[in-house]
Amino acid sequence: MEENQLQEPLPWDKPSFLSVEKIIGTIASSEDEEGNQEEAQILKLSSDDDSSTKYYFLERKLNETGFASVHVGFAVEPKSDNNEYQIIKSSSTVTPYTFEMVAIKLFDRENMDLAEVAKKTAALPSAMTEMAALEMISKQNEGDSHVDYCTSIGSDKDTYYAIVPFHGEGTLFQYVAESGALAEPIARHCFRQILKGIQTFRDIGLCHRNINLSTIQLRGDSCSITELSSCMKFSGELFPPHWAQGGNPRYIPPEVVRMENFNGEQADLWAAAICLCQMLWGMEAPFVWASPADPRYKELCINGNAASGATSCSTPTASSGSSGIQQWTKQQRRRSSLTQPKNNKGIDENKMDDDDTTINISKEACDLIQKMLRANPNDRFTLEQILSHEWVTTGETTAPQFSSVPHPFNN
């Protein structure tokens, strides 16, 4: 790479905040005009000239992150002049939800502003970065891009609010943990959408820097890359090494481990390859650390033995030498299914394996993994090469299946 291609990330534009007013009103689902009404907190988001106004029913808290609390929400519309509101029915063909569901992230302004002042480097995760990235994606991208976006961003004197799509089926991490190793048609369905998300980031001028199974959320049959607090805007091909902070260590490419200049898109593609391995092998990462000191990393990424002519892959051990990778195995591999009875931990005890279990993987999948996970970033497949690879383009796809659909009055 030429030296002039090494550049600092571009600064973020400050998000445009709508004014937020909290209203106590009465709400009912559109299917239940007379009954099932309750008092609820309504958020009114409006522009300064009131030319744009949206209303959201702020429901139960889902969880808390390092920057925000996340609540279930529903888009509503005024039903009368007496603070009565009606939940809007969904018109989406992507999700199974009856109602227009959203997730509402609440950021404490005082804590967030203090954190921004104390932050030593913009490479660290930032709540303001997340909101700026959400707004940037919303303005520059249309359609199902398989990345998170916002429908509105607002603030009052105490809180910032980000309204984003609701991903009711949880994370890909949760799905794989419950399901075990995914069949290749399901893994292919999810992987294609992860690649589409990375393509969206690239086209907009962003890299994510923290793609992993926990930051990929499921919404109906659609996967989206979420948690954008580590995103960076790029103008050149390489970031200097001091921007390599953050991210899950298991998903970090070797050049970042070595604190070398790195390409943001290449780092995201490396993480996507680790996600593919975990989908196919049932949560097991191919190696602990992208370092020659890890024998599995050395065997796969340096020696290049993922596709050694076999039709399946295996976990190499320190004593496996150069025998090649033939079958991936794991102790205590779970063979649970979402459609089978489970114990109180969500695991089907009848499908637990106490012995090593072989997971057969097609030679095409092994070949793709090998070409994505090479120690030298210049030897790895580009996004275009991955998208045109035989395993990605051919073969059937199957969407993940779920049994429950959220309702606004179910707690």
Protein backbone atom coordinates (compact mmCIF):
# COMPACT_ATOMS: atom_id res chain seq x y z
CA MET A 1 0.00 0.00 0.00
CA GLU A 2 1.19 3.52 -0.74
CA GLU A 3 1.96 5.73 2.26
CA ASN A 4 -0.58 8.33 1.15
CA GLN A 5 -3.30 5.69 1.47
CA LEU A 6 -2.78 5.69 5.25
CA GLN A 7 -5.24 8.15 6.77
CA GLU A 8 -6.97 8.96 10.03
CA PRO A 9 -10.73 8.23 10.22
CA LEU A 10 -13.00 11.05 9.14
CA PRO A 11 -14.85 13.01 11.86
CA TRP A 12 -18.52 12.31 12.49
CA ASP A 13 -21.29 14.79 11.79
CA LYS A 14 -23.23 15.63 14.93
CA PRO A 15 -26.64 13.91 14.85
CA SER A 16 -29.74 16.02 14.21
CA PHE A 17 -31.96 15.62 17.27
CA LEU A 18 -35.73 15.99 17.31
CA SER A 19 -37.35 17.47 20.41
CA VAL A 20 -38.82 14.86 22.75
CA GLU A 21 -41.85 15.39 24.97
CA LYS A 22 -43.07 12.73 27.41
CA ILE A 23 -46.84 12.29 27.51
CA ILE A 24 -48.98 10.09 29.77
CA GLY A 25 -51.80 8.72 27.64
CA THR A 26 -54.18 5.81 27.20
CA ILE A 27 -53.32 3.21 24.61
CA ALA A 28 -55.03 0.23 22.99
CA SER A 29 -54.02 -2.12 20.23
CA SER A 30 -55.75 -1.53 16.89
CA GLU A 31 -57.32 -4.97 17.25
CA ASP A 32 -58.97 -4.07 20.57
CA GLU A 33 -60.80 -0.76 20.29
CA GLU A 34 -62.70 -0.93 23.58
CA GLY A 35 -60.83 -3.31 25.89
CA ASN A 36 -57.26 -4.02 26.86
CA GLN A 37 -56.47 -0.34 27.43
CA GLU A 38 -53.83 0.85 29.83
CA GLU A 39 -52.06 4.02 30.86
CA ALA A 40 -48.75 4.34 29.09
CA GLN A 41 -45.82 6.65 28.56
CA ILE A 42 -45.77 8.15 25.08
CA LEU A 43 -42.76 9.79 23.49
CA LYS A 44 -43.58 12.62 21.08
CA LEU A 45 -40.68 13.38 18.73
CA SER A 46 -41.08 16.53 16.68
CA SER A 47 -39.01 18.94 14.63
CA ASP A 48 -38.68 22.55 15.72
CA ASP A 49 -41.36 23.68 13.27
CA ASP A 50 -43.63 20.66 14.01
CA SER A 51 -43.49 19.68 10.32
CA SER A 52 -42.50 16.15 11.37
CA THR A 53 -44.04 14.47 14.42
CA LYS A 54 -43.86 10.83 15.50
CA TYR A 55 -45.26 9.05 18.54
CA TYR A 56 -43.94 5.95 20.29
CA PHE A 57 -45.30 3.87 23.14
CA LEU A 58 -42.38 3.26 25.54
CA GLU A 59 -42.92 -0.22 26.95
CA ARG A 60 -40.86 -2.64 29.05
CA LYS A 61 -37.07 -2.55 29.42
CA LEU A 62 -35.24 -5.31 27.54
CA ASN A 63 -31.68 -4.85 28.76
CA GLU A 64 -28.91 -2.39 29.50
CA THR A 65 -25.72 -1.88 27.53
CA GLY A 66 -22.59 0.04 28.41
CA PHE A 67 -24.19 3.22 27.12
CA ALA A 68 -27.95 2.82 27.22
CA SER A 69 -31.05 1.05 28.43
CA VAL A 70 -33.03 -0.62 25.65
CA HIS A 71 -36.84 -0.78 25.70
CA VAL A 72 -39.50 -2.37 23.54
CA GLY A 73 -41.54 0.29 21.77
CA PHE A 74 -44.46 0.58 19.39
CA ALA A 75 -45.28 3.25 16.84
CA VAL A 76 -48.62 4.83 17.73
CA GLU A 77 -50.90 7.51 16.39
CA PRO A 78 -53.32 9.87 18.16
CA LYS A 79 -56.83 8.44 18.36
CA SER A 80 -58.53 11.50 19.88
CA ASP A 81 -57.75 14.84 21.49
CA ASN A 82 -57.84 13.25 24.96
CA ASN A 83 -54.36 11.70 24.89
CA GLU A 84 -55.71 8.44 23.49
CA TYR A 85 -53.40 6.54 21.15
CA GLN A 86 -53.64 3.53 18.92
CA ILE A 87 -50.85 1.13 18.06
CA ILE A 88 -50.10 1.09 14.34
CA LYS A 89 -50.31 -2.20 12.49
CA SER A 90 -47.19 -3.34 10.70
CA SER A 91 -47.01 -3.20 6.92
CA SER A 92 -43.63 -4.94 6.79
CA THR A 93 -43.17 -8.05 4.68
CA VAL A 94 -39.84 -8.81 6.38
CA THR A 95 -41.06 -9.46 9.93
CA PRO A 96 -43.88 -11.58 11.38
CA TYR A 97 -44.96 -8.87 13.83
CA THR A 98 -48.56 -7.71 13.80
CA PHE A 99 -47.65 -4.27 15.12
CA GLU A 100 -45.06 -1.64 14.18
CA MET A 101 -42.45 -2.58 16.77
CA VAL A 102 -39.26 -0.67 17.51
CA ALA A 103 -36.45 -0.75 20.02
CA ILE A 104 -35.90 2.51 21.90
CA LYS A 105 -32.42 3.19 23.25
CA LEU A 106 -32.23 5.70 26.10
CA PHE A 107 -28.86 7.36 26.75
CA ASP A 108 -28.32 9.38 29.93
CA ARG A 109 -27.03 12.73 28.68
CA GLU A 110 -25.01 13.66 31.76
CA ASN A 111 -23.14 10.36 31.93
CA MET A 112 -22.68 10.26 28.18
CA ASP A 113 -21.32 13.79 27.91
CA LEU A 114 -18.87 13.11 30.75
CA ALA A 115 -17.75 9.92 29.03
CA GLU A 116 -17.15 11.82 25.79
CA VAL A 117 -14.97 14.37 27.60
CA ALA A 118 -12.99 11.66 29.42
CA LYS A 119 -12.52 9.48 26.31
CA LYS A 120 -8.85 9.40 25.33
CA THR A 121 -9.25 8.22 21.75
CA ALA A 122 -12.14 8.21 19.28
CA ALA A 123 -11.29 4.60 18.48
CA LEU A 124 -13.01 3.56 21.70
CA PRO A 125 -16.75 2.72 21.55
CA SER A 126 -18.95 5.77 21.82
CA ALA A 127 -22.68 6.25 22.23
CA MET A 128 -22.52 9.45 20.16
CA THR A 129 -20.68 7.50 17.45
CA GLU A 130 -23.50 4.97 17.43
CA MET A 131 -26.16 7.63 16.96
CA ALA A 132 -24.14 9.42 14.27
CA ALA A 133 -23.62 6.13 12.41
CA LEU A 134 -27.31 5.20 12.69
CA GLU A 135 -28.33 8.55 11.21
CA MET A 136 -25.70 8.37 8.46
CA ILE A 137 -26.94 4.93 7.39
CA SER A 138 -30.57 6.05 7.47
CA LYS A 139 -29.85 9.02 5.21
CA GLN A 140 -27.67 7.23 2.66
CA ASN A 141 -29.22 3.79 2.38
CA GLU A 142 -32.64 2.50 1.38
CA GLY A 143 -34.22 -0.94 1.57
CA ASP A 144 -33.27 -3.98 3.64
CA SER A 145 -29.53 -3.36 3.87
CA HIS A 146 -28.94 -5.80 6.77
CA VAL A 147 -27.44 -3.12 8.99
CA ASP A 148 -29.04 -1.27 11.86
CA TYR A 149 -30.52 2.16 11.21
CA CYS A 150 -32.71 4.67 13.01
CA THR A 151 -36.18 5.93 12.23
CA SER A 152 -35.74 8.88 14.62
CA ILE A 153 -33.20 10.40 16.99
CA GLY A 154 -34.37 12.79 19.70
CA SER A 155 -33.41 14.42 22.97
CA ASP A 156 -34.81 16.20 25.99
CA LYS A 157 -32.82 17.86 28.76
CA ASP A 158 -31.89 14.54 30.41
CA THR A 159 -31.89 11.85 27.72
CA TYR A 160 -30.95 11.03 24.15
CA TYR A 161 -33.34 8.65 22.33
CA ALA A 162 -32.58 6.44 19.32
CA ILE A 163 -35.49 4.64 17.65
CA VAL A 164 -34.24 1.54 15.81
CA PRO A 165 -35.84 -1.64 14.40
CA PHE A 166 -36.93 -4.24 16.93
CA HIS A 167 -35.13 -7.56 16.56
CA GLY A 168 -37.49 -9.85 18.42
CA GLU A 169 -35.72 -13.11 17.68
CA GLY A 170 -32.54 -12.15 19.53
CA THR A 171 -28.95 -12.46 18.40
CA LEU A 172 -27.30 -14.95 16.10
CA PHE A 173 -25.21 -15.96 19.12
CA GLN A 174 -28.36 -17.01 20.98
CA TYR A 175 -29.71 -18.87 17.97
CA VAL A 176 -26.52 -20.87 17.38
CA ALA A 177 -26.10 -21.54 21.12
CA GLU A 178 -29.59 -23.07 21.24
CA SER A 179 -29.54 -24.79 17.86
CA GLY A 180 -26.01 -26.16 17.77
CA ALA A 181 -24.19 -26.41 14.44
CA LEU A 182 -26.41 -24.97 11.71
CA ALA A 183 -27.20 -26.83 8.53
CA GLU A 184 -25.41 -25.23 5.59
CA PRO A 185 -28.63 -23.86 3.99
CA ILE A 186 -29.36 -21.88 7.21
CA ALA A 187 -25.73 -20.78 7.58
CA ARG A 188 -25.69 -19.70 3.91
CA HIS A 189 -28.90 -17.68 4.37
CA CYS A 190 -27.39 -15.79 7.34
CA PHE A 191 -23.94 -15.41 5.81
CA ARG A 192 -25.27 -13.86 2.60
CA GLN A 193 -27.03 -11.22 4.68
CA ILE A 194 -23.94 -10.55 6.79
CA LEU A 195 -22.01 -9.95 3.55
CA LYS A 196 -24.77 -7.61 2.35
CA GLY A 197 -24.40 -5.67 5.59
CA ILE A 198 -20.63 -5.34 5.12
CA GLN A 199 -21.25 -4.23 1.54
CA THR A 200 -23.63 -1.56 2.83
CA PHE A 201 -21.01 -0.29 5.27
CA ARG A 202 -18.39 -0.18 2.52
CA ASP A 203 -20.67 1.66 0.08
CA ILE A 204 -21.47 4.30 2.72
CA GLY A 205 -17.85 4.68 3.81
CA LEU A 206 -17.91 2.89 7.16
CA CYS A 207 -16.33 -0.10 8.82
CA HIS A 208 -17.89 -1.77 11.85
CA ARG A 209 -14.81 -3.12 13.72
CA ASN A 210 -16.81 -5.35 16.09
CA ILE A 211 -18.76 -7.88 14.00
CA ASN A 212 -19.47 -11.06 15.96
CA LEU A 213 -22.42 -13.38 16.57
CA SER A 214 -23.65 -11.15 19.43
CA THR A 215 -23.81 -8.00 17.26
CA ILE A 216 -25.85 -9.74 14.53
CA GLN A 217 -29.55 -9.51 15.37
CA LEU A 218 -32.41 -11.55 13.92
CA ARG A 219 -35.67 -9.94 12.83
CA GLY A 220 -38.03 -12.37 11.17
CA ASP A 221 -35.93 -14.09 8.51
CA SER A 222 -33.52 -11.16 8.24
CA CYS A 223 -30.08 -10.72 9.86
CA SER A 224 -28.80 -7.23 10.65
CA ILE A 225 -25.43 -6.02 11.90
CA THR A 226 -26.08 -3.85 14.96
CA GLU A 227 -24.19 -2.19 17.84
CA LEU A 228 -22.50 0.56 15.85
CA SER A 229 -20.58 2.25 18.67
CA SER A 230 -17.22 1.06 17.27
CA CYS A 231 -17.85 2.20 13.68
CA MET A 232 -15.36 4.43 11.89
CA LYS A 233 -15.59 6.53 8.75
CA PHE A 234 -12.78 6.00 6.29
CA SER A 235 -11.31 7.99 3.41
CA GLY A 236 -8.18 5.96 2.64
CA GLU A 237 -7.46 2.26 2.43
CA LEU A 238 -5.61 1.81 5.72
CA PHE A 239 -6.03 2.95 9.31
CA PRO A 240 -2.92 3.48 11.47
CA PRO A 241 -2.46 0.92 14.26
CA HIS A 242 -3.53 3.17 17.12
CA TRP A 243 -7.08 2.91 15.73
CA ALA A 244 -7.07 -0.85 16.23
CA GLN A 245 -8.49 -0.76 19.76
CA GLY A 246 -11.78 -2.43 20.61
CA GLY A 247 -13.55 -5.50 19.30
CA ASN A 248 -13.86 -9.10 20.46
CA PRO A 249 -10.38 -10.72 20.51
CA ARG A 250 -11.60 -13.95 18.84
CA TYR A 251 -12.73 -11.99 15.77
CA ILE A 252 -9.69 -9.73 15.35
CA PRO A 253 -7.42 -10.33 12.32
CA PRO A 254 -3.69 -10.94 12.78
CA GLU A 255 -2.59 -7.54 11.48
CA VAL A 256 -4.65 -5.90 14.25
CA VAL A 257 -3.21 -8.32 16.83
CA ARG A 258 0.26 -7.25 15.68
CA MET A 259 -0.77 -3.56 15.92
CA GLU A 260 -0.04 -2.96 12.24
CA ASN A 261 -1.82 -0.73 9.73
CA PHE A 262 -5.14 -2.34 8.85
CA ASN A 263 -7.99 -2.10 6.35
CA GLY A 264 -11.41 -1.73 7.97
CA GLU A 265 -13.29 -3.77 5.36
CA GLN A 266 -10.73 -6.57 5.56
CA ALA A 267 -11.11 -6.62 9.35
CA ASP A 268 -14.91 -6.90 9.01
CA LEU A 269 -14.58 -9.74 6.46
CA TRP A 270 -12.21 -11.62 8.77
CA ALA A 271 -14.80 -11.36 11.56
CA ALA A 272 -17.51 -12.57 9.16
CA ALA A 273 -15.40 -15.66 8.39
CA ILE A 274 -15.13 -16.43 12.12
CA CYS A 275 -18.93 -16.09 12.35
CA LEU A 276 -19.32 -18.57 9.49
CA CYS A 277 -17.07 -21.06 11.28
CA GLN A 278 -19.13 -20.74 14.45
CA MET A 279 -22.39 -21.23 12.58
CA LEU A 280 -21.10 -24.39 10.90
CA TRP A 281 -19.34 -25.79 13.98
CA GLY A 282 -21.87 -24.88 16.67
CA MET A 283 -20.28 -21.93 18.52
CA GLU A 284 -16.67 -23.16 18.38
CA ALA A 285 -14.29 -20.53 17.07
CA PRO A 286 -11.56 -21.93 14.79
CA PHE A 287 -8.85 -20.62 17.11
CA VAL A 288 -8.49 -18.58 20.28
CA TRP A 289 -6.17 -15.88 18.95
CA ALA A 290 -4.89 -14.93 15.50
CA SER A 291 -1.28 -15.61 16.43
CA PRO A 292 1.28 -18.24 15.29
CA ALA A 293 1.43 -19.30 18.94
CA ASP A 294 -2.06 -20.78 18.49
CA PRO A 295 -1.57 -24.16 16.72
CA ARG A 296 -5.01 -24.09 15.09
CA TYR A 297 -4.41 -20.60 13.70
CA LYS A 298 -1.03 -21.73 12.37
CA GLU A 299 -2.53 -24.83 10.73
CA LEU A 300 -5.45 -23.03 9.14
CA CYS A 301 -4.20 -19.54 8.31
CA ILE A 302 -0.47 -20.00 7.78
CA ASN A 303 -0.16 -23.59 6.54
CA GLY A 304 -3.46 -23.35 4.64
CA ASN A 305 -4.84 -26.77 5.50
CA ALA A 306 -8.58 -26.07 5.67
CA ALA A 307 -9.22 -27.57 2.25
CA SER A 308 -6.72 -30.40 2.04
CA GLY A 309 -8.71 -32.42 -0.45
CA ALA A 310 -11.12 -33.76 2.16
CA THR A 311 -14.86 -33.25 2.10
CA SER A 312 -15.04 -32.18 5.74
CA CYS A 313 -13.02 -30.23 8.28
CA SER A 314 -11.60 -31.10 11.69
CA THR A 315 -10.03 -29.37 14.65
CA PRO A 316 -6.25 -29.68 14.45
CA THR A 317 -4.37 -30.20 17.69
CA ALA A 318 -0.88 -29.26 18.66
CA SER A 319 0.28 -32.74 17.65
CA SER A 320 -1.57 -32.84 14.35
CA GLY A 321 1.47 -31.52 12.49
CA SER A 322 0.84 -30.91 8.80
CA SER A 323 -1.66 -33.73 8.36
CA GLY A 324 -4.30 -31.32 7.17
CA ILE A 325 -7.72 -30.45 8.53
CA GLN A 326 -10.21 -33.25 7.96
CA GLN A 327 -13.03 -33.07 10.53
CA TRP A 328 -13.97 -30.37 13.05
CA THR A 329 -14.95 -31.81 16.46
CA LYS A 330 -15.87 -30.50 19.86
CA GLN A 331 -16.38 -32.04 23.29
CA GLN A 332 -19.91 -31.87 24.68
CA ARG A 333 -21.35 -30.64 21.37
CA ARG A 334 -24.96 -29.73 21.78
CA ARG A 335 -27.44 -31.10 19.29
CA SER A 336 -30.43 -29.15 20.52
CA SER A 337 -33.27 -28.04 18.27
CA LEU A 338 -35.65 -25.11 18.69
CA THR A 339 -38.56 -27.44 17.91
CA GLN A 340 -37.73 -30.07 20.57
CA PRO A 341 -38.68 -30.07 24.29
CA LYS A 342 -35.93 -28.47 26.38
CA ASN A 343 -35.01 -28.30 30.04
CA ASN A 344 -35.18 -25.08 32.05
CA LYS A 345 -31.85 -23.99 30.55
CA GLY A 346 -33.18 -24.19 27.00
CA ILE A 347 -31.16 -27.30 26.13
CA ASP A 348 -32.55 -30.56 24.80
CA GLU A 349 -31.00 -33.11 27.15
CA ASN A 350 -31.86 -35.99 24.82
CA LYS A 351 -29.54 -34.53 22.19
CA MET A 352 -26.47 -33.85 24.33
CA ASP A 353 -23.35 -35.68 23.16
CA ASP A 354 -20.79 -36.69 25.76
CA ASP A 355 -18.32 -37.86 23.12
CA ASP A 356 -16.63 -36.02 20.30
CA THR A 357 -19.08 -35.35 17.50
CA THR A 358 -18.01 -34.98 13.92
CA ILE A 359 -19.48 -32.05 12.04
CA ASN A 360 -19.24 -32.65 8.32
CA ILE A 361 -18.78 -29.56 6.21
CA SER A 362 -18.83 -29.42 2.44
CA LYS A 363 -15.57 -28.98 0.57
CA GLU A 364 -16.97 -25.73 -0.90
CA ALA A 365 -17.48 -24.30 2.61
CA CYS A 366 -13.96 -25.37 3.62
CA ASP A 367 -12.56 -23.70 0.51
CA LEU A 368 -14.35 -20.43 1.25
CA ILE A 369 -13.18 -20.43 4.87
CA GLN A 370 -9.61 -21.05 3.75
CA LYS A 371 -9.68 -18.18 1.27
CA MET A 372 -11.10 -15.76 3.85
CA LEU A 373 -8.77 -16.73 6.70
CA ARG A 374 -5.22 -16.23 5.43
CA ALA A 375 -2.53 -14.69 7.61
CA ASN A 376 -1.51 -12.18 4.94
CA PRO A 377 -4.39 -9.79 4.27
CA ASN A 378 -3.26 -9.43 0.64
CA ASP A 379 -3.88 -13.18 0.14
CA ARG A 380 -7.50 -13.07 1.35
CA PHE A 381 -10.56 -12.98 -0.85
CA THR A 382 -12.10 -9.58 -1.42
CA LEU A 383 -15.79 -8.95 -0.79
CA GLU A 384 -16.54 -9.34 -4.50
CA GLN A 385 -14.69 -12.66 -4.65
CA ILE A 386 -16.56 -13.92 -1.60
CA LEU A 387 -19.93 -12.89 -3.04
CA SER A 388 -19.16 -14.83 -6.23
CA HIS A 389 -17.79 -17.92 -4.48
CA GLU A 390 -19.54 -21.20 -5.31
CA TRP A 391 -20.65 -21.87 -1.73
CA VAL A 392 -22.30 -18.43 -1.45
CA THR A 393 -23.95 -18.35 -4.88
CA THR A 394 -25.15 -21.95 -5.23
CA GLY A 395 -27.03 -24.31 -2.97
CA GLU A 396 -30.34 -23.91 -1.21
CA THR A 397 -31.03 -21.48 1.62
CA THR A 398 -33.32 -21.87 4.61
CA ALA A 399 -34.30 -19.08 6.98
CA PRO A 400 -34.09 -19.62 10.75
CA GLN A 401 -37.42 -20.66 12.25
CA PHE A 402 -39.01 -19.24 15.41
CA SER A 403 -42.19 -20.06 17.28
CA SER A 404 -43.25 -16.90 19.11
CA VAL A 405 -44.37 -13.48 17.92
CA PRO A 406 -44.23 -10.55 20.41
CA HIS A 407 -47.43 -8.72 21.40
CA PRO A 408 -47.55 -5.23 22.92
CA PHE A 409 -49.31 -6.38 26.10
CA ASN A 410 -47.23 -9.51 26.72
CA ASN A 411 -44.64 -9.01 29.44
